[in-house]
N, C-alpha and C. Protein backbone atom coordinates (compact mmCIF):
# COMPACT_ATOMS: atom_id res chain seq x y z
N MET A 1 -3.86 -22.33 -5.37
CA MET A 1 -4.75 -21.47 -5.58
C MET A 1 -3.66 -20.23 -5.90
N SER A 2 -4.16 -19.35 -6.86
CA SER A 2 -3.33 -18.16 -6.89
C SER A 2 -3.63 -16.99 -6.57
N TYR A 3 -2.94 -16.21 -5.43
CA TYR A 3 -3.58 -15.13 -4.94
C TYR A 3 -2.44 -13.97 -5.15
N SER A 4 -2.75 -12.81 -5.17
CA SER A 4 -2.00 -11.50 -5.24
C SER A 4 -2.41 -10.56 -4.27
N THR A 5 -1.38 -9.70 -3.97
CA THR A 5 -1.85 -8.70 -3.06
C THR A 5 -1.72 -7.37 -3.54
N LEU A 6 -2.36 -6.50 -3.41
CA LEU A 6 -2.56 -5.21 -3.89
C LEU A 6 -1.69 -4.38 -3.30
N SER A 7 -1.31 -3.02 -3.70
CA SER A 7 -0.69 -1.99 -2.85
C SER A 7 -1.48 -1.98 -1.89
N ASN A 8 -2.74 -1.99 -1.45
CA ASN A 8 -3.47 -1.45 -0.38
C ASN A 8 -3.64 -2.70 0.58
N GLY A 9 -2.95 -3.87 0.15
CA GLY A 9 -2.82 -4.61 1.27
C GLY A 9 -3.83 -5.76 1.00
N SER A 10 -5.09 -5.36 0.44
CA SER A 10 -6.19 -6.47 -0.14
C SER A 10 -5.68 -7.64 -0.69
N LYS A 11 -6.04 -8.73 -0.59
CA LYS A 11 -5.73 -9.66 -1.50
C LYS A 11 -6.79 -9.91 -2.65
N VAL A 12 -6.22 -10.64 -3.56
CA VAL A 12 -7.00 -10.72 -5.18
C VAL A 12 -7.23 -12.51 -5.18
N THR A 13 -7.93 -12.94 -5.54
CA THR A 13 -8.24 -14.23 -5.95
C THR A 13 -7.95 -14.39 -7.43
N SER A 14 -7.41 -15.47 -8.33
CA SER A 14 -7.25 -15.54 -9.81
C SER A 14 -8.36 -16.81 -9.95
N ALA A 15 -9.12 -16.59 -11.17
CA ALA A 15 -10.45 -17.49 -11.34
C ALA A 15 -10.37 -17.26 -12.88
N VAL A 16 -11.26 -18.03 -13.40
CA VAL A 16 -11.62 -18.49 -14.83
C VAL A 16 -12.85 -18.88 -15.11
N ALA A 17 -13.63 -18.56 -16.34
CA ALA A 17 -14.66 -19.05 -16.66
C ALA A 17 -14.77 -19.16 -18.06
N ALA A 18 -15.78 -19.69 -18.72
CA ALA A 18 -15.59 -20.07 -19.92
C ALA A 18 -17.42 -19.88 -20.50
N ILE A 19 -17.89 -19.08 -21.55
CA ILE A 19 -18.99 -19.00 -21.61
C ILE A 19 -19.02 -20.28 -23.12
N ILE A 20 -20.09 -21.08 -22.99
CA ILE A 20 -19.83 -22.02 -23.91
C ILE A 20 -21.30 -22.52 -24.27
N GLU A 21 -21.50 -22.48 -25.63
CA GLU A 21 -22.90 -22.05 -26.36
C GLU A 21 -22.99 -23.60 -27.13
N ASP A 22 -24.40 -23.78 -27.06
CA ASP A 22 -24.61 -25.31 -28.16
C ASP A 22 -25.06 -24.58 -29.52
N ALA A 23 -25.30 -25.77 -30.09
CA ALA A 23 -26.24 -25.17 -31.35
C ALA A 23 -26.90 -24.17 -31.62
N ALA A 24 -27.95 -24.25 -30.72
CA ALA A 24 -29.12 -23.24 -30.35
C ALA A 24 -28.97 -22.03 -29.72
N GLY A 25 -27.42 -21.98 -29.37
CA GLY A 25 -27.23 -20.45 -29.13
C GLY A 25 -27.35 -20.35 -27.44
N ARG A 26 -27.79 -21.44 -26.59
CA ARG A 26 -27.89 -21.38 -25.25
C ARG A 26 -26.65 -21.82 -24.58
N VAL A 27 -26.43 -21.09 -23.52
CA VAL A 27 -25.34 -20.97 -22.61
C VAL A 27 -25.51 -22.14 -21.48
N LEU A 28 -24.24 -23.05 -20.92
CA LEU A 28 -24.07 -23.74 -20.26
C LEU A 28 -23.70 -23.14 -19.11
N LEU A 29 -24.27 -23.34 -18.00
CA LEU A 29 -24.62 -22.87 -16.58
C LEU A 29 -24.62 -24.07 -15.61
N CYS A 30 -23.72 -23.63 -14.35
CA CYS A 30 -23.58 -24.41 -13.21
C CYS A 30 -24.37 -23.89 -12.33
N ARG A 31 -24.75 -24.70 -11.24
CA ARG A 31 -25.67 -24.23 -10.06
C ARG A 31 -24.89 -24.52 -8.94
N GLN A 32 -24.43 -23.74 -8.34
CA GLN A 32 -23.49 -23.97 -6.90
C GLN A 32 -24.36 -25.15 -6.09
N ALA A 33 -23.47 -26.08 -5.60
CA ALA A 33 -24.05 -26.88 -4.64
C ALA A 33 -24.49 -26.34 -3.04
N GLY A 34 -23.56 -25.20 -2.98
CA GLY A 34 -23.54 -24.79 -1.52
C GLY A 34 -23.79 -23.31 -1.45
N GLY A 35 -23.55 -22.77 -0.44
CA GLY A 35 -23.49 -21.28 -0.46
C GLY A 35 -24.81 -20.81 -0.74
N HIS A 36 -25.13 -19.87 -1.73
CA HIS A 36 -25.91 -19.15 -2.18
C HIS A 36 -26.83 -19.89 -3.31
N GLN A 37 -25.88 -21.16 -3.55
CA GLN A 37 -26.57 -21.68 -4.57
C GLN A 37 -26.99 -20.97 -6.10
N LEU A 38 -25.91 -20.17 -6.50
CA LEU A 38 -25.84 -19.27 -7.57
C LEU A 38 -25.72 -20.12 -8.90
N TRP A 39 -26.09 -19.50 -9.82
CA TRP A 39 -25.95 -20.00 -11.25
C TRP A 39 -24.53 -19.37 -11.71
N GLY A 40 -23.68 -20.05 -12.40
CA GLY A 40 -22.73 -18.98 -13.18
C GLY A 40 -22.00 -20.25 -13.86
N LEU A 41 -20.88 -19.40 -14.73
CA LEU A 41 -20.38 -20.22 -15.93
C LEU A 41 -19.38 -21.28 -15.24
N PRO A 42 -19.15 -22.34 -16.10
CA PRO A 42 -18.34 -23.33 -15.89
C PRO A 42 -16.80 -22.98 -15.55
N GLY A 43 -16.09 -22.93 -14.48
CA GLY A 43 -14.98 -22.42 -14.17
C GLY A 43 -14.46 -22.32 -12.92
N GLY A 44 -13.60 -21.96 -12.24
CA GLY A 44 -12.95 -21.92 -11.00
C GLY A 44 -11.98 -21.07 -10.99
N LYS A 45 -10.99 -21.31 -9.52
CA LYS A 45 -9.94 -20.85 -9.25
C LYS A 45 -8.76 -21.29 -9.98
N THR A 46 -7.71 -20.36 -10.20
CA THR A 46 -6.64 -20.90 -11.11
C THR A 46 -5.58 -21.06 -9.93
N ARG A 47 -5.01 -22.22 -10.08
CA ARG A 47 -3.99 -22.68 -9.27
C ARG A 47 -2.61 -22.18 -9.80
N ALA A 48 -1.41 -21.91 -9.00
CA ALA A 48 -0.20 -20.92 -9.05
C ALA A 48 0.31 -21.38 -10.36
N GLU A 49 0.54 -22.76 -10.50
CA GLU A 49 1.36 -23.40 -11.73
C GLU A 49 0.44 -23.39 -12.94
N GLU A 50 -0.21 -22.56 -13.19
CA GLU A 50 -0.97 -22.94 -14.30
C GLU A 50 -1.60 -21.48 -14.81
N SER A 51 -1.85 -21.64 -16.42
CA SER A 51 -2.00 -20.35 -16.79
C SER A 51 -3.87 -20.29 -17.08
N PRO A 52 -4.13 -19.10 -17.09
CA PRO A 52 -5.36 -19.18 -17.22
C PRO A 52 -6.33 -19.61 -18.17
N VAL A 53 -5.71 -20.21 -19.17
CA VAL A 53 -6.39 -21.17 -20.60
C VAL A 53 -6.25 -22.46 -19.98
N HIS A 54 -5.47 -22.67 -19.36
CA HIS A 54 -5.14 -24.25 -18.75
C HIS A 54 -6.01 -24.19 -17.77
N ALA A 55 -6.01 -23.28 -16.64
CA ALA A 55 -7.21 -23.33 -15.59
C ALA A 55 -8.63 -23.59 -16.30
N ALA A 56 -9.13 -22.79 -17.10
CA ALA A 56 -10.40 -23.26 -17.76
C ALA A 56 -10.79 -24.09 -18.30
N ILE A 57 -9.61 -24.96 -19.19
CA ILE A 57 -9.93 -25.84 -19.86
C ILE A 57 -9.88 -27.30 -18.67
N ARG A 58 -8.92 -27.36 -17.68
CA ARG A 58 -9.11 -28.57 -16.60
C ARG A 58 -10.55 -28.11 -15.57
N ASP A 59 -11.02 -27.04 -15.54
CA ASP A 59 -11.86 -26.51 -14.54
C ASP A 59 -13.10 -27.06 -15.41
N ILE A 60 -13.31 -26.75 -16.76
CA ILE A 60 -14.57 -26.96 -17.42
C ILE A 60 -14.56 -28.59 -17.34
N ARG A 61 -13.49 -29.33 -17.82
CA ARG A 61 -13.26 -30.63 -17.70
C ARG A 61 -14.12 -31.37 -16.24
N GLU A 62 -13.36 -30.72 -15.16
CA GLU A 62 -13.89 -31.38 -13.85
C GLU A 62 -14.84 -31.34 -13.76
N GLU A 63 -15.65 -30.06 -14.13
CA GLU A 63 -17.31 -29.84 -13.75
C GLU A 63 -18.07 -30.59 -14.71
N THR A 64 -17.68 -30.73 -15.95
CA THR A 64 -18.79 -31.06 -16.90
C THR A 64 -18.53 -32.13 -17.43
N GLY A 65 -17.32 -32.67 -17.58
CA GLY A 65 -16.60 -33.82 -18.41
C GLY A 65 -16.43 -33.11 -19.74
N LEU A 66 -16.76 -32.05 -20.08
CA LEU A 66 -16.45 -31.35 -21.83
C LEU A 66 -14.69 -31.30 -21.77
N GLU A 67 -14.39 -31.62 -22.92
CA GLU A 67 -13.07 -31.14 -23.59
C GLU A 67 -13.37 -30.05 -24.25
N THR A 68 -12.73 -28.80 -24.08
CA THR A 68 -12.99 -27.46 -24.29
C THR A 68 -12.05 -27.18 -25.09
N GLU A 69 -12.28 -25.76 -26.35
CA GLU A 69 -11.16 -25.51 -26.97
C GLU A 69 -11.32 -24.18 -26.78
N ILE A 70 -10.29 -23.36 -26.20
CA ILE A 70 -10.62 -21.73 -26.10
C ILE A 70 -10.49 -21.05 -26.97
N VAL A 71 -11.58 -20.40 -27.28
CA VAL A 71 -11.68 -19.46 -28.63
C VAL A 71 -11.27 -18.22 -28.60
N GLU A 72 -11.86 -17.31 -27.25
CA GLU A 72 -11.60 -15.86 -27.35
C GLU A 72 -11.47 -15.36 -26.01
N LEU A 73 -10.86 -14.24 -25.60
CA LEU A 73 -10.94 -13.82 -24.23
C LEU A 73 -12.12 -12.74 -24.11
N ILE A 74 -13.20 -13.07 -23.62
CA ILE A 74 -14.30 -12.20 -23.40
C ILE A 74 -13.85 -10.77 -22.73
N GLY A 75 -13.24 -11.18 -21.84
CA GLY A 75 -13.03 -10.06 -20.53
C GLY A 75 -12.29 -10.37 -19.52
N LEU A 76 -11.58 -9.33 -18.76
CA LEU A 76 -11.22 -9.50 -17.55
C LEU A 76 -12.05 -8.76 -16.44
N TYR A 77 -12.55 -9.43 -15.60
CA TYR A 77 -13.68 -9.07 -14.46
C TYR A 77 -13.12 -8.99 -13.21
N GLN A 78 -13.07 -7.97 -12.77
CA GLN A 78 -12.72 -7.86 -11.08
C GLN A 78 -13.78 -8.00 -10.26
N LEU A 79 -14.14 -8.71 -9.76
CA LEU A 79 -15.64 -8.94 -8.99
C LEU A 79 -15.12 -8.11 -7.18
N THR A 80 -15.62 -7.25 -7.00
CA THR A 80 -15.19 -6.56 -5.83
C THR A 80 -16.43 -6.12 -5.09
N GLY A 81 -16.31 -5.81 -3.62
CA GLY A 81 -17.62 -5.06 -2.64
C GLY A 81 -17.72 -6.16 -1.90
N ASP A 82 -18.70 -5.76 -1.02
CA ASP A 82 -18.97 -6.67 0.03
C ASP A 82 -20.71 -6.85 -0.07
N GLY A 83 -20.97 -6.86 -1.03
CA GLY A 83 -22.59 -6.88 -0.93
C GLY A 83 -23.19 -8.31 -0.27
N CYS A 84 -22.13 -9.04 -0.18
CA CYS A 84 -22.92 -10.29 1.08
C CYS A 84 -22.87 -10.07 2.49
N GLY A 85 -22.23 -9.00 2.81
CA GLY A 85 -22.12 -8.27 4.11
C GLY A 85 -21.16 -9.19 4.98
N THR A 86 -20.05 -9.49 4.06
CA THR A 86 -18.87 -10.01 4.71
C THR A 86 -17.56 -9.56 3.77
N THR A 87 -16.45 -9.52 4.34
CA THR A 87 -15.12 -9.20 3.61
C THR A 87 -14.43 -10.36 2.71
N ASN A 88 -15.20 -10.36 1.38
CA ASN A 88 -14.36 -11.12 0.79
C ASN A 88 -13.08 -10.69 0.02
N PRO A 89 -12.22 -11.42 -0.48
CA PRO A 89 -11.03 -10.97 -1.44
C PRO A 89 -11.72 -10.54 -2.76
N ASP A 90 -11.14 -9.73 -3.22
CA ASP A 90 -11.66 -9.58 -4.74
C ASP A 90 -11.16 -10.60 -5.84
N LEU A 91 -11.95 -10.97 -6.58
CA LEU A 91 -11.82 -11.92 -7.51
C LEU A 91 -11.44 -11.68 -9.02
N PHE A 92 -10.20 -11.79 -9.46
CA PHE A 92 -9.93 -11.38 -10.72
C PHE A 92 -10.34 -12.39 -11.96
N VAL A 93 -11.51 -12.38 -12.68
CA VAL A 93 -11.63 -13.18 -13.23
C VAL A 93 -11.49 -13.63 -14.89
N HIS A 94 -10.78 -14.06 -15.54
CA HIS A 94 -10.83 -14.43 -17.26
C HIS A 94 -11.80 -15.18 -17.52
N VAL A 95 -12.73 -14.32 -18.47
CA VAL A 95 -13.65 -14.97 -18.65
C VAL A 95 -13.50 -15.36 -20.44
N PHE A 96 -13.63 -16.38 -20.75
CA PHE A 96 -13.23 -16.72 -22.25
C PHE A 96 -14.27 -17.09 -22.96
N ARG A 97 -14.17 -17.66 -24.33
CA ARG A 97 -15.54 -18.36 -25.01
C ARG A 97 -14.67 -19.64 -25.49
N GLY A 98 -15.71 -20.29 -24.73
CA GLY A 98 -15.06 -21.82 -25.50
C GLY A 98 -16.00 -22.92 -26.38
N ARG A 99 -15.12 -23.70 -27.20
CA ARG A 99 -16.23 -24.35 -27.94
C ARG A 99 -15.84 -25.80 -27.49
N ILE A 100 -16.78 -26.59 -27.39
CA ILE A 100 -16.84 -28.03 -27.11
C ILE A 100 -16.17 -28.67 -28.12
N ASP A 101 -15.09 -29.69 -27.85
CA ASP A 101 -14.32 -30.46 -28.85
C ASP A 101 -15.16 -31.87 -28.65
N GLY A 102 -15.66 -32.41 -29.96
CA GLY A 102 -16.31 -33.71 -29.93
C GLY A 102 -17.78 -33.56 -29.80
N ASP A 103 -18.12 -34.76 -29.47
CA ASP A 103 -19.21 -34.84 -29.37
C ASP A 103 -19.74 -35.15 -27.96
N GLY A 104 -21.22 -35.08 -27.47
CA GLY A 104 -21.50 -35.55 -26.44
C GLY A 104 -22.05 -34.24 -25.36
N GLY A 105 -22.91 -34.48 -24.34
CA GLY A 105 -23.22 -33.11 -23.84
C GLY A 105 -22.61 -33.37 -22.24
N PRO A 106 -22.89 -32.34 -21.69
CA PRO A 106 -22.38 -32.20 -20.07
C PRO A 106 -22.75 -33.21 -19.23
N ALA A 107 -21.94 -33.76 -18.44
CA ALA A 107 -22.18 -34.22 -17.02
C ALA A 107 -21.63 -33.94 -15.92
N LEU A 108 -22.69 -33.64 -14.90
CA LEU A 108 -22.29 -33.44 -13.28
C LEU A 108 -21.12 -34.47 -13.05
N ASN A 109 -19.81 -34.10 -12.83
CA ASN A 109 -18.87 -34.45 -12.45
C ASN A 109 -18.31 -34.16 -11.07
N ALA A 110 -18.46 -32.97 -10.45
CA ALA A 110 -18.36 -32.56 -9.23
C ALA A 110 -19.50 -31.98 -8.37
N PRO A 111 -20.31 -32.84 -7.87
CA PRO A 111 -21.38 -32.97 -7.23
C PRO A 111 -21.09 -32.30 -5.94
N GLY A 112 -20.32 -32.19 -5.58
CA GLY A 112 -19.83 -31.37 -4.11
C GLY A 112 -19.69 -30.08 -4.32
N ARG A 113 -19.32 -29.55 -5.45
CA ARG A 113 -19.24 -28.17 -5.98
C ARG A 113 -20.56 -27.67 -7.00
N ILE A 114 -20.94 -28.41 -7.57
CA ILE A 114 -22.06 -28.22 -8.63
C ILE A 114 -23.27 -29.03 -8.38
N SER A 115 -24.61 -28.50 -8.09
CA SER A 115 -25.42 -29.16 -7.68
C SER A 115 -26.36 -29.72 -9.23
N ARG A 116 -26.01 -28.89 -10.55
CA ARG A 116 -26.76 -28.63 -11.76
C ARG A 116 -26.16 -28.24 -12.80
N LEU A 117 -26.50 -29.07 -13.98
CA LEU A 117 -25.46 -28.26 -15.37
C LEU A 117 -27.04 -28.02 -16.32
N ALA A 118 -26.99 -26.99 -16.79
CA ALA A 118 -28.20 -26.83 -17.60
C ALA A 118 -27.82 -25.77 -18.94
N TRP A 119 -28.63 -25.84 -19.82
CA TRP A 119 -28.21 -24.80 -20.77
C TRP A 119 -29.42 -23.91 -21.07
N HIS A 120 -28.99 -22.70 -20.89
CA HIS A 120 -30.34 -21.64 -20.82
C HIS A 120 -29.82 -20.58 -21.94
N ASP A 121 -31.16 -19.94 -22.29
CA ASP A 121 -31.12 -19.00 -23.07
C ASP A 121 -30.84 -17.75 -22.60
N PRO A 122 -29.78 -16.80 -23.38
CA PRO A 122 -29.19 -15.71 -23.19
C PRO A 122 -29.97 -14.72 -22.40
N ASP A 123 -31.21 -15.02 -23.01
CA ASP A 123 -32.38 -13.64 -22.65
C ASP A 123 -33.17 -14.05 -21.58
N ALA A 124 -32.99 -15.82 -21.15
CA ALA A 124 -33.72 -16.08 -20.46
C ALA A 124 -33.06 -16.59 -18.91
N LEU A 125 -32.00 -16.06 -18.30
CA LEU A 125 -31.32 -16.64 -17.56
C LEU A 125 -32.15 -16.73 -16.06
N PRO A 126 -31.44 -18.17 -15.67
CA PRO A 126 -31.71 -18.18 -13.91
C PRO A 126 -31.68 -17.30 -12.99
N ALA A 127 -32.02 -17.46 -11.85
CA ALA A 127 -31.60 -16.74 -10.88
C ALA A 127 -31.42 -17.72 -9.45
N PRO A 128 -30.75 -17.29 -8.63
CA PRO A 128 -29.96 -15.96 -8.71
C PRO A 128 -28.72 -16.33 -9.62
N LEU A 129 -28.32 -15.37 -10.01
CA LEU A 129 -27.07 -15.44 -11.20
C LEU A 129 -25.66 -14.62 -10.59
N THR A 130 -24.55 -15.15 -10.35
CA THR A 130 -23.59 -14.29 -10.28
C THR A 130 -23.26 -13.24 -10.98
N ALA A 131 -22.67 -12.18 -10.51
CA ALA A 131 -22.77 -10.50 -11.15
C ALA A 131 -21.74 -10.88 -12.31
N THR A 132 -20.34 -11.56 -11.94
CA THR A 132 -19.68 -11.58 -12.83
C THR A 132 -20.41 -12.66 -14.54
N THR A 133 -21.18 -13.48 -14.27
CA THR A 133 -21.68 -14.37 -15.13
C THR A 133 -22.78 -13.33 -15.83
N ARG A 134 -23.57 -12.60 -15.26
CA ARG A 134 -24.39 -11.80 -15.81
C ARG A 134 -23.73 -11.00 -16.52
N THR A 135 -22.82 -10.10 -16.27
CA THR A 135 -22.01 -9.17 -17.10
C THR A 135 -21.32 -9.64 -18.11
N ALA A 136 -20.73 -10.51 -18.04
CA ALA A 136 -19.92 -11.18 -18.98
C ALA A 136 -20.80 -12.04 -20.26
N ILE A 137 -22.05 -12.26 -19.80
CA ILE A 137 -22.84 -12.97 -20.81
C ILE A 137 -23.57 -11.52 -21.75
N THR A 138 -23.65 -10.93 -20.81
CA THR A 138 -23.99 -9.41 -21.75
C THR A 138 -23.12 -8.93 -22.70
N ASP A 139 -21.82 -9.08 -22.28
CA ASP A 139 -20.79 -8.50 -23.06
C ASP A 139 -20.27 -9.53 -24.36
N ALA A 140 -20.62 -10.43 -23.94
CA ALA A 140 -20.47 -11.67 -25.00
C ALA A 140 -21.63 -11.56 -26.10
N ALA A 141 -22.81 -11.25 -25.56
CA ALA A 141 -24.01 -11.34 -26.69
C ALA A 141 -24.03 -10.04 -27.43
N ALA A 142 -23.27 -9.11 -27.01
CA ALA A 142 -23.05 -7.70 -27.51
C ALA A 142 -21.78 -7.88 -28.42
N GLY A 143 -21.24 -8.71 -28.62
CA GLY A 143 -19.84 -9.12 -29.47
C GLY A 143 -18.93 -8.26 -28.97
N ARG A 144 -18.58 -7.93 -27.59
CA ARG A 144 -17.52 -7.06 -27.28
C ARG A 144 -16.48 -8.59 -26.52
N THR A 145 -15.18 -8.08 -26.95
CA THR A 145 -14.04 -9.08 -26.52
C THR A 145 -13.15 -7.96 -26.15
N GLY A 146 -12.07 -8.82 -25.02
CA GLY A 146 -11.24 -7.90 -24.33
C GLY A 146 -11.66 -6.64 -23.48
N VAL A 147 -12.86 -7.15 -23.15
CA VAL A 147 -13.22 -5.93 -21.86
C VAL A 147 -12.24 -6.25 -20.71
N ILE A 148 -12.22 -5.10 -20.17
CA ILE A 148 -11.42 -5.03 -18.79
C ILE A 148 -12.73 -4.28 -17.99
N ARG A 149 -13.27 -4.72 -16.84
CA ARG A 149 -14.52 -4.48 -16.08
C ARG A 149 -14.46 -4.53 -14.61
N GLU A 150 -14.79 -3.43 -13.72
CA GLU A 150 -14.98 -3.77 -12.39
C GLU A 150 -16.28 -4.20 -12.17
N VAL A 151 -16.84 -5.46 -11.51
CA VAL A 151 -18.02 -5.68 -11.26
C VAL A 151 -18.12 -5.96 -10.02
N GLN A 152 -19.18 -5.01 -9.43
CA GLN A 152 -19.47 -5.08 -7.86
C GLN A 152 -20.55 -6.53 -7.49
N ARG A 153 -19.99 -7.00 -6.35
CA ARG A 153 -21.09 -8.01 -5.91
C ARG A 153 -22.30 -7.42 -5.64
N ASP A 154 -23.21 -8.59 -5.82
CA ASP A 154 -24.59 -8.48 -5.49
C ASP A 154 -24.96 -8.44 -4.13
N ALA A 155 -25.95 -8.14 -3.89
CA ALA A 155 -26.54 -8.24 -2.09
C ALA A 155 -26.78 -10.03 -2.09
N GLU A 156 -26.92 -10.00 -0.77
CA GLU A 156 -26.64 -11.56 -0.48
C GLU A 156 -28.08 -12.17 -0.83
N PRO A 157 -28.30 -13.24 -1.67
CA PRO A 157 -29.54 -13.66 -2.13
C PRO A 157 -30.02 -14.46 -1.04
N GLU A 158 -31.38 -14.86 -1.46
CA GLU A 158 -32.12 -15.74 -0.61
C GLU A 158 -31.68 -17.01 -1.17
N VAL A 159 -31.16 -18.21 -0.07
CA VAL A 159 -31.11 -19.34 -0.30
C VAL A 159 -31.97 -20.40 -0.64
N ILE A 160 -32.19 -20.98 -1.97
CA ILE A 160 -33.49 -21.67 -2.17
C ILE A 160 -33.11 -22.89 -2.00
N ASP A 161 -33.98 -23.65 -1.40
CA ASP A 161 -34.11 -25.11 -1.03
C ASP A 161 -34.01 -25.78 -2.41
N ALA A 162 -33.20 -26.69 -2.64
CA ALA A 162 -32.82 -27.68 -3.28
C ALA A 162 -34.32 -28.68 -3.86
């Protein structure tokens, strides 16, 4: 994992995610297997020895079985705050637009981390959704790229029984 320390002493974790759309314009989302079982974009933490682009390609492959081409950077999002009532390190997320290479659909490859994969219309997203995912999909739908944005963590959601 890649951590940085800010001048104020707080830690920042580097992560990646990708907005992947199907032919109908639906977005691929992953539901977390543990914790608050939030829906989010495929992706994960960046390893110290890899670039954000390579981390996104690797994490998407690990979670969905899909080979992905990274097309563009939607934005850099700093997830901050303690909306969940605990002190979590800030998360610095590179969110890309990805395109699936080849045929076939997603397959649940990381059942310990992901409980479900599904395509969702950007106008009818499931809940609870990560704050970064919600913000990045809004930016992408508006045609924005190269966004730099601070995103506040949401309050702790109710854990849903699977």
